[in-house]
Amino acid sequence: MEEDMFYRELMTSRPAQPPSYESALKAALAAQRRGLAYDQGRACDDDTAESLPHYSCDVHMEGVFMRKLEIEDTIRRAEVRNWQMVYVVLHGTALNMYQVKKERWGFPQKEGPDIEPDNPPWIKKGALAKSYSLLHADAGIAADYRKRRYVIRMRAETDQFLLSCVELETFIQWLDRIFAAIHIATPIDTRAFPRDFSIPRIQRIRYLRGQRPQGDDAVSVGYPDGAGGRAERTLFENAAADDGGSDGDQENGAPRLSTHAAVAATAEHPATGPASGQQTTPSARGRLSTTSYPNESVDPETGKWLPKQTWTSTHDLLYAKLCFAVLLFKSPRKSNYIISRGKMWYVDWATGRMVRMLPPGYGEMELYGPWQGLGLSTENRRL
């Protein structure tokens, strides 16, 4: 009976009125004052409080380039394909193209040791012409473009274009920074191992194809190429065959030359050969020069040619150039996804058809993340 009365009273009673705005506002202001007072007192008491570090972007470069547009709108050939001077700014994962402004009034000198060809002082940054996101972008050395020396080919968003510079140092620095920006633009879960290594491309290709020197080829590796190397190899083989043959010459009393002596005799007297009967001493065998005056290019202990090679920073840059990836005009795209107009698209590179990719709806199971693989959903649910 008491339960029924309580239930009847609970269901028939009028709901409580909400608090007035004045009382709610006063309570909120009081809580805010208490919070501010607590924070100020804590800041005063805590002398070891550290401020947040200032944001800085390590990937940042600026320079003047010549730009040539090759492909636009995924597969359409660009209508205007002439070279144009642009001011390029690489900041983080964004590549911005600016128009150039020439200020020659204050710089009458056009050439000189103090003027950098890739960053002349009379070229200033103008209005923004184009901004690219380096997510799902691709870059490399344009090895198939022969008209200019240092050319970088880039595929960003729906465009493919060339960037040309003058100096090798600028070329290597921009390639390094562009690859770094492309790598950090990719989400951590979908990042792959970078394709540019510290081994030159030729050696890397031979290694991947299995064309490494085997044990049987170790003897032939030491011989030089050309006619001289073939003659020396043949002489060694004949000498080895003579060592294992009959001893008829020894029975007749004719002196026999050793293998090394035969090689040295042939090198000094190619017309007579080993049959001339002239034996050489070990000191004469190792000499490559018969001149009496001292030769700085020859090692006095071994008698081998040892020229002085000065290794400069240019050699390091040339070696680094061999380690970067090559991107040809007809190279396939590494990804079917691009970023255009701030949105993600799936592109069929055979037809150029673009389908916008949407994140999964709320409540949908996300097994692969919102921007990966099967977690992608399109505007057309049948795709």
Protein backbone atom coordinates (compact mmCIF):
# COMPACT_ATOMS: atom_id res chain seq x y z
CA MET A 1 0.00 0.00 0.00
CA GLU A 2 2.82 2.41 0.86
CA GLU A 3 4.60 1.59 -2.38
CA ASP A 4 1.48 2.34 -4.41
CA MET A 5 1.03 5.69 -2.69
CA PHE A 6 4.70 6.57 -3.29
CA TYR A 7 4.42 5.63 -6.96
CA ARG A 8 1.22 7.65 -7.36
CA GLU A 9 2.79 10.70 -5.72
CA LEU A 10 5.94 10.39 -7.82
CA MET A 11 4.04 10.16 -11.10
CA THR A 12 1.47 12.88 -10.41
CA SER A 13 3.82 15.46 -8.84
CA ARG A 14 4.86 18.39 -11.01
CA PRO A 15 8.51 18.45 -12.10
CA ALA A 16 10.88 20.76 -10.33
CA GLN A 17 11.55 24.09 -11.98
CA PRO A 18 15.05 24.68 -13.38
CA PRO A 19 17.23 27.23 -11.57
CA SER A 20 17.03 30.82 -12.71
CA TYR A 21 19.65 32.30 -15.00
CA GLU A 22 20.84 34.71 -12.35
CA SER A 23 21.58 31.99 -9.82
CA ALA A 24 23.28 29.80 -12.44
CA LEU A 25 25.38 32.73 -13.67
CA LYS A 26 26.43 33.65 -10.16
CA ALA A 27 27.48 30.07 -9.43
CA ALA A 28 29.52 29.89 -12.65
CA LEU A 29 31.29 33.21 -11.97
CA ALA A 30 32.11 32.11 -8.44
CA ALA A 31 33.60 28.84 -9.67
CA GLN A 32 35.62 30.71 -12.29
CA ARG A 33 37.03 33.09 -9.67
CA ARG A 34 37.99 30.18 -7.45
CA GLY A 35 39.74 28.46 -10.37
CA LEU A 36 41.68 31.60 -11.32
CA ALA A 37 42.75 32.19 -7.76
CA TYR A 38 43.90 28.58 -7.44
CA ASP A 39 45.89 28.74 -10.71
CA GLN A 40 47.58 32.02 -9.73
CA GLY A 41 48.54 30.69 -6.33
CA ARG A 42 49.89 27.50 -7.84
CA ALA A 43 51.93 29.42 -10.43
CA CYS A 44 53.47 31.57 -7.72
CA ASP A 45 54.35 28.60 -5.56
CA ASP A 46 55.75 26.50 -8.40
CA ASP A 47 59.07 28.11 -9.38
CA THR A 48 60.03 25.25 -11.69
CA ALA A 49 57.16 25.77 -14.10
CA GLU A 50 58.35 25.53 -17.75
CA SER A 51 56.81 27.30 -20.69
CA LEU A 52 55.94 25.42 -23.86
CA PRO A 53 58.65 25.45 -26.53
CA HIS A 54 58.12 27.59 -29.59
CA TYR A 55 57.06 25.78 -32.74
CA SER A 56 59.70 25.53 -35.44
CA CYS A 57 59.68 23.67 -38.76
CA ASP A 58 62.94 21.96 -39.66
CA VAL A 59 61.90 21.31 -43.27
CA HIS A 60 61.95 24.80 -44.75
CA MET A 61 63.67 26.01 -47.92
CA GLU A 62 63.19 28.87 -50.35
CA GLY A 63 64.64 29.37 -53.79
CA VAL A 64 64.11 30.46 -57.37
CA PHE A 65 63.39 27.72 -59.90
CA MET A 66 62.33 27.35 -63.50
CA ARG A 67 59.07 25.42 -63.63
CA LYS A 68 57.55 23.50 -66.53
CA LEU A 69 54.09 21.94 -66.25
CA GLU A 70 53.80 18.55 -67.96
CA ILE A 71 50.44 17.05 -66.87
CA GLU A 72 47.43 18.65 -65.24
CA ASP A 73 44.07 17.26 -64.08
CA THR A 74 45.55 13.77 -63.53
CA ILE A 75 46.06 12.68 -67.18
CA ARG A 76 45.57 15.72 -69.42
CA ARG A 77 48.64 17.11 -71.09
CA ALA A 78 49.33 20.69 -70.10
CA GLU A 79 48.48 23.30 -72.71
CA VAL A 80 51.20 25.74 -71.60
CA ARG A 81 54.46 23.80 -71.32
CA ASN A 82 57.02 26.58 -71.45
CA TRP A 83 59.50 27.27 -68.65
CA GLN A 84 58.44 29.92 -66.15
CA MET A 85 60.38 31.41 -63.27
CA VAL A 86 58.75 30.82 -59.89
CA TYR A 87 59.68 31.40 -56.27
CA VAL A 88 59.33 28.04 -54.48
CA VAL A 89 58.84 27.72 -50.72
CA LEU A 90 58.93 24.31 -49.06
CA HIS A 91 57.52 24.54 -45.53
CA GLY A 92 56.82 21.26 -43.81
CA THR A 93 54.51 19.20 -46.00
CA ALA A 94 53.38 22.14 -48.17
CA LEU A 95 55.00 23.21 -51.43
CA ASN A 96 54.02 26.76 -52.39
CA MET A 97 54.64 28.38 -55.77
CA TYR A 98 54.83 32.18 -55.89
CA GLN A 99 55.15 34.60 -58.72
CA VAL A 100 58.43 36.51 -58.95
CA LYS A 101 59.06 40.23 -58.66
CA LYS A 102 62.26 41.61 -60.16
CA GLU A 103 63.86 44.60 -58.45
CA ARG A 104 66.85 45.64 -60.55
CA TRP A 105 67.06 49.25 -59.41
CA GLY A 106 69.19 48.50 -56.39
CA PHE A 107 71.25 45.71 -57.99
CA PRO A 108 73.04 46.91 -61.11
CA GLN A 109 75.48 44.00 -61.01
CA LYS A 110 74.05 40.87 -62.63
CA GLU A 111 77.02 38.54 -62.18
CA GLY A 112 79.71 38.06 -59.59
CA PRO A 113 81.08 35.65 -56.98
CA ASP A 114 78.73 36.98 -54.29
CA ILE A 115 75.54 36.38 -56.31
CA GLU A 116 73.95 32.95 -56.09
CA PRO A 117 72.48 31.76 -59.40
CA ASP A 118 69.64 29.91 -57.68
CA ASN A 119 68.79 32.79 -55.33
CA PRO A 120 69.55 36.16 -56.94
CA PRO A 121 69.03 39.13 -54.64
CA TRP A 122 66.84 41.06 -57.09
CA ILE A 123 64.22 38.28 -57.22
CA LYS A 124 61.51 38.67 -54.59
CA LYS A 125 58.47 36.62 -53.67
CA GLY A 126 55.24 37.78 -55.27
CA ALA A 127 51.65 36.59 -55.11
CA LEU A 128 50.80 32.97 -54.37
CA ALA A 129 50.23 31.08 -57.62
CA LYS A 130 49.73 27.47 -56.45
CA SER A 131 49.95 25.49 -53.23
CA TYR A 132 50.49 21.72 -53.19
CA SER A 133 50.13 19.17 -50.43
CA LEU A 134 52.89 16.56 -50.43
CA LEU A 135 50.65 13.82 -49.07
CA HIS A 136 50.73 10.92 -51.59
CA ALA A 137 53.18 12.96 -53.70
CA ASP A 138 56.16 11.59 -55.61
CA ALA A 139 59.49 13.10 -56.64
CA GLY A 140 62.76 12.09 -58.24
CA ILE A 141 65.47 12.95 -60.72
CA ALA A 142 64.16 13.55 -64.24
CA ALA A 143 66.79 11.39 -65.91
CA ASP A 144 64.90 11.28 -69.22
CA TYR A 145 64.93 15.08 -69.64
CA ARG A 146 68.18 15.93 -71.47
CA LYS A 147 67.79 19.62 -72.28
CA ARG A 148 68.68 20.79 -68.78
CA ARG A 149 71.21 19.39 -66.34
CA TYR A 150 69.67 19.47 -62.87
CA VAL A 151 65.92 18.79 -63.13
CA ILE A 152 63.54 17.47 -60.47
CA ARG A 153 60.27 15.86 -61.52
CA MET A 154 57.39 16.11 -59.06
CA ARG A 155 53.89 14.65 -58.92
CA ALA A 156 51.78 16.53 -56.44
CA GLU A 157 47.97 16.39 -56.28
CA THR A 158 46.71 16.30 -59.89
CA ASP A 159 49.76 17.92 -61.55
CA GLN A 160 53.12 16.73 -62.80
CA PHE A 161 55.82 19.33 -63.34
CA LEU A 162 59.58 19.89 -63.59
CA LEU A 163 61.78 22.10 -61.41
CA SER A 164 65.15 23.13 -62.81
CA CYS A 165 68.04 24.78 -60.97
CA VAL A 166 71.58 25.84 -61.85
CA GLU A 167 73.91 24.51 -59.15
CA LEU A 168 74.47 20.93 -58.05
CA GLU A 169 74.42 21.84 -54.36
CA THR A 170 70.94 23.36 -54.67
CA PHE A 171 69.79 20.29 -56.59
CA ILE A 172 70.93 17.86 -53.87
CA GLN A 173 69.63 19.96 -50.97
CA TRP A 174 66.18 20.33 -52.46
CA LEU A 175 65.95 16.64 -53.30
CA ASP A 176 66.83 15.76 -49.72
CA ARG A 177 64.28 18.15 -48.22
CA ILE A 178 61.53 17.19 -50.67
CA PHE A 179 61.93 13.49 -49.87
CA ALA A 180 61.93 14.28 -46.15
CA ALA A 181 58.71 16.30 -46.51
CA ILE A 182 57.03 13.51 -48.49
CA HIS A 183 57.98 10.93 -45.87
CA ILE A 184 56.65 12.92 -42.91
CA ALA A 185 53.44 13.81 -44.79
CA THR A 186 52.34 10.17 -44.83
CA PRO A 187 50.46 8.92 -41.76
CA ILE A 188 52.59 6.86 -39.40
CA ASP A 189 50.45 3.74 -39.82
CA THR A 190 50.86 3.73 -43.61
CA ARG A 191 54.50 4.80 -43.92
CA ALA A 192 56.79 2.60 -45.99
CA PHE A 193 60.55 2.26 -46.00
CA PRO A 194 62.11 5.10 -48.01
CA ARG A 195 63.29 4.21 -51.49
CA ASP A 196 66.43 6.36 -51.53
CA PHE A 197 69.35 4.56 -49.91
CA SER A 198 73.02 5.29 -49.34
CA ILE A 199 74.05 2.86 -52.11
CA PRO A 200 74.23 4.08 -55.73
CA ARG A 201 71.48 2.93 -58.02
CA ILE A 202 73.72 0.79 -60.26
CA GLN A 203 75.10 -1.27 -57.38
CA ARG A 204 71.64 -1.51 -55.82
CA ILE A 205 70.10 -2.83 -59.05
CA ARG A 206 72.86 -5.41 -59.46
CA TYR A 207 72.40 -6.51 -55.87
CA LEU A 208 68.65 -6.90 -56.25
CA ARG A 209 69.02 -8.84 -59.49
CA GLY A 210 71.57 -11.20 -57.97
CA GLN A 211 74.46 -10.15 -60.20
CA ARG A 212 77.03 -10.27 -57.45
CA PRO A 213 80.49 -11.75 -58.13
CA GLN A 214 80.54 -15.42 -57.14
CA GLY A 215 83.45 -17.53 -55.95
CA ASP A 216 84.34 -18.70 -59.47
CA ASP A 217 84.44 -15.16 -60.72
CA ALA A 218 86.81 -14.00 -58.00
CA VAL A 219 89.86 -14.76 -60.16
CA SER A 220 88.56 -12.85 -63.17
CA VAL A 221 87.58 -9.84 -61.08
CA GLY A 222 91.22 -8.90 -60.54
CA TYR A 223 92.01 -8.62 -64.23
CA PRO A 224 91.59 -5.31 -66.00
CA ASP A 225 89.24 -4.88 -68.92
CA GLY A 226 90.36 -4.55 -72.49
CA ALA A 227 92.93 -6.29 -74.66
CA GLY A 228 95.68 -6.03 -72.05
CA GLY A 229 93.54 -7.79 -69.46
CA ARG A 230 92.63 -10.61 -71.86
CA ALA A 231 96.28 -11.08 -72.84
CA GLU A 232 97.36 -11.22 -69.22
CA ARG A 233 94.60 -13.71 -68.40
CA THR A 234 95.60 -15.92 -71.34
CA LEU A 235 99.23 -15.80 -70.31
CA PHE A 236 98.39 -16.92 -66.79
CA GLU A 237 96.30 -19.81 -68.11
CA ASN A 238 99.05 -20.94 -70.48
CA ALA A 239 101.64 -20.68 -67.74
CA ALA A 240 99.45 -22.75 -65.42
CA ALA A 241 99.04 -25.36 -68.15
CA ASP A 242 102.78 -25.46 -68.74
CA ASP A 243 103.43 -26.02 -65.04
CA GLY A 244 101.24 -29.11 -65.07
CA GLY A 245 102.60 -30.46 -68.38
CA SER A 246 105.67 -32.52 -69.27
CA ASP A 247 109.18 -31.66 -68.19
CA GLY A 248 110.69 -31.99 -71.64
CA ASP A 249 112.25 -28.54 -71.57
CA GLN A 250 113.99 -29.29 -68.32
CA GLU A 251 115.37 -32.48 -69.67
CA ASN A 252 116.88 -30.65 -72.63
CA GLY A 253 118.53 -28.19 -70.28
CA ALA A 254 116.50 -25.12 -71.33
CA PRO A 255 115.60 -22.90 -68.39
CA ARG A 256 111.89 -22.46 -67.65
CA LEU A 257 110.35 -19.22 -66.46
CA SER A 258 107.92 -19.06 -63.62
CA THR A 259 104.43 -17.68 -64.07
CA HIS A 260 105.20 -14.30 -62.55
CA ALA A 261 108.47 -13.99 -64.43
CA ALA A 262 106.67 -14.74 -67.69
CA VAL A 263 104.15 -12.02 -67.02
CA ALA A 264 106.85 -9.51 -66.18
CA ALA A 265 108.89 -10.45 -69.23
CA THR A 266 105.88 -10.06 -71.48
CA ALA A 267 105.10 -6.65 -70.01
CA GLU A 268 108.65 -5.37 -70.58
CA HIS A 269 109.34 -7.10 -73.90
CA PRO A 270 106.03 -7.82 -75.64
CA ALA A 271 107.75 -8.74 -78.92
CA THR A 272 109.95 -11.51 -77.50
CA GLY A 273 107.58 -12.95 -74.85
CA PRO A 274 108.57 -15.68 -72.41
CA ALA A 275 110.64 -17.54 -75.01
CA SER A 276 113.31 -14.84 -75.14
CA GLY A 277 115.13 -16.38 -72.22
CA GLN A 278 115.47 -13.13 -70.26
CA GLN A 279 114.72 -13.49 -66.58
CA THR A 280 113.70 -10.55 -64.41
CA THR A 281 114.43 -9.90 -60.80
CA PRO A 282 111.62 -9.37 -58.26
CA SER A 283 112.47 -5.66 -57.95
CA ALA A 284 112.16 -5.12 -61.72
CA ARG A 285 109.02 -7.22 -61.84
CA GLY A 286 107.02 -4.79 -59.68
CA ARG A 287 108.09 -1.59 -61.40
CA LEU A 288 105.65 0.13 -63.70
CA SER A 289 108.00 2.88 -64.82
CA THR A 290 111.58 2.60 -66.14
CA THR A 291 112.41 6.27 -65.63
CA SER A 292 115.33 7.16 -63.38
CA TYR A 293 113.76 10.29 -61.91
CA PRO A 294 111.34 9.94 -58.94
CA ASN A 295 107.66 9.74 -59.89
CA GLU A 296 105.23 11.00 -57.27
CA SER A 297 102.40 8.95 -58.78
CA VAL A 298 104.24 5.66 -58.16
CA ASP A 299 104.56 4.07 -54.74
CA PRO A 300 108.30 3.51 -54.08
CA GLU A 301 107.67 0.42 -51.92
CA THR A 302 105.31 -1.53 -54.18
CA GLY A 303 106.06 0.15 -57.48
CA LYS A 304 102.33 0.51 -58.20
CA TRP A 305 100.68 3.54 -59.69
CA LEU A 306 99.16 5.56 -56.85
CA PRO A 307 98.12 9.02 -58.06
CA LYS A 308 97.10 11.73 -55.65
CA GLN A 309 93.35 12.11 -55.75
CA THR A 310 91.88 15.13 -54.01
CA TRP A 311 88.36 14.32 -52.81
CA THR A 312 86.26 17.46 -52.66
CA SER A 313 82.71 18.30 -51.65
CA THR A 314 81.67 18.08 -55.30
CA HIS A 315 82.51 14.37 -55.28
CA ASP A 316 80.25 13.93 -52.24
CA LEU A 317 77.41 15.68 -54.06
CA LEU A 318 77.89 13.55 -57.16
CA TYR A 319 77.83 10.40 -55.02
CA ALA A 320 74.68 11.61 -53.27
CA LYS A 321 73.06 12.21 -56.66
CA LEU A 322 73.52 8.53 -57.51
CA CYS A 323 71.63 7.52 -54.35
CA PHE A 324 68.41 9.43 -55.05
CA ALA A 325 65.46 7.88 -56.83
CA VAL A 326 64.73 8.48 -60.52
CA LEU A 327 61.25 9.47 -61.68
CA LEU A 328 60.63 9.14 -65.41
CA PHE A 329 57.79 10.67 -67.40
CA LYS A 330 56.05 7.32 -67.90
CA SER A 331 56.77 5.88 -64.47
CA PRO A 332 53.61 4.51 -62.82
CA ARG A 333 52.08 6.31 -59.89
CA LYS A 334 52.96 4.83 -56.53
CA SER A 335 49.50 5.50 -55.07
CA ASN A 336 45.94 5.76 -56.35
CA TYR A 337 45.06 8.36 -53.73
CA ILE A 338 45.69 12.08 -54.03
CA ILE A 339 44.82 15.22 -52.12
CA SER A 340 43.02 17.87 -54.16
CA ARG A 341 41.14 20.94 -52.95
CA GLY A 342 41.67 19.84 -49.37
CA LYS A 343 39.95 16.47 -49.84
CA MET A 344 41.07 12.93 -50.53
CA TRP A 345 40.31 11.31 -53.90
CA TYR A 346 40.71 7.89 -55.45
CA VAL A 347 42.03 8.14 -59.01
CA ASP A 348 41.92 5.61 -61.82
CA TRP A 349 45.10 6.61 -63.67
CA ALA A 350 44.06 4.75 -66.82
CA THR A 351 40.96 6.88 -67.34
CA GLY A 352 41.60 9.82 -65.01
CA ARG A 353 38.31 9.28 -63.16
CA MET A 354 38.30 10.69 -59.63
CA VAL A 355 36.06 9.51 -56.79
CA ARG A 356 35.96 11.44 -53.55
CA MET A 357 36.79 9.43 -50.44
CA LEU A 358 34.71 10.03 -47.32
CA PRO A 359 35.47 9.02 -43.74
CA PRO A 360 33.26 6.26 -42.28
CA GLY A 361 29.96 7.21 -40.73
CA TYR A 362 29.44 7.50 -36.98
CA GLY A 363 28.88 4.15 -35.34
CA GLU A 364 30.59 2.22 -38.14
CA MET A 365 33.26 -0.29 -37.20
CA GLU A 366 36.73 1.11 -37.91
CA LEU A 367 39.03 -1.86 -38.29
CA TYR A 368 41.67 -0.20 -40.45
CA GLY A 369 41.43 3.43 -39.42
CA PRO A 370 39.48 6.27 -41.00
CA TRP A 371 41.89 6.83 -43.93
CA GLN A 372 43.27 3.40 -44.72
CA GLY A 373 42.35 0.63 -47.11
CA LEU A 374 38.96 -0.91 -46.46
CA GLY A 375 38.05 1.81 -44.01
CA LEU A 376 37.46 4.17 -46.93
CA SER A 377 33.97 4.80 -48.20
CA THR A 378 33.00 6.68 -51.33
CA GLU A 379 30.09 8.83 -52.35
CA ASN A 380 28.83 5.92 -54.45
CA ARG A 381 28.29 3.11 -51.96
CA ARG A 382 28.46 0.51 -54.75
CA LEU A 383 32.16 1.17 -55.37
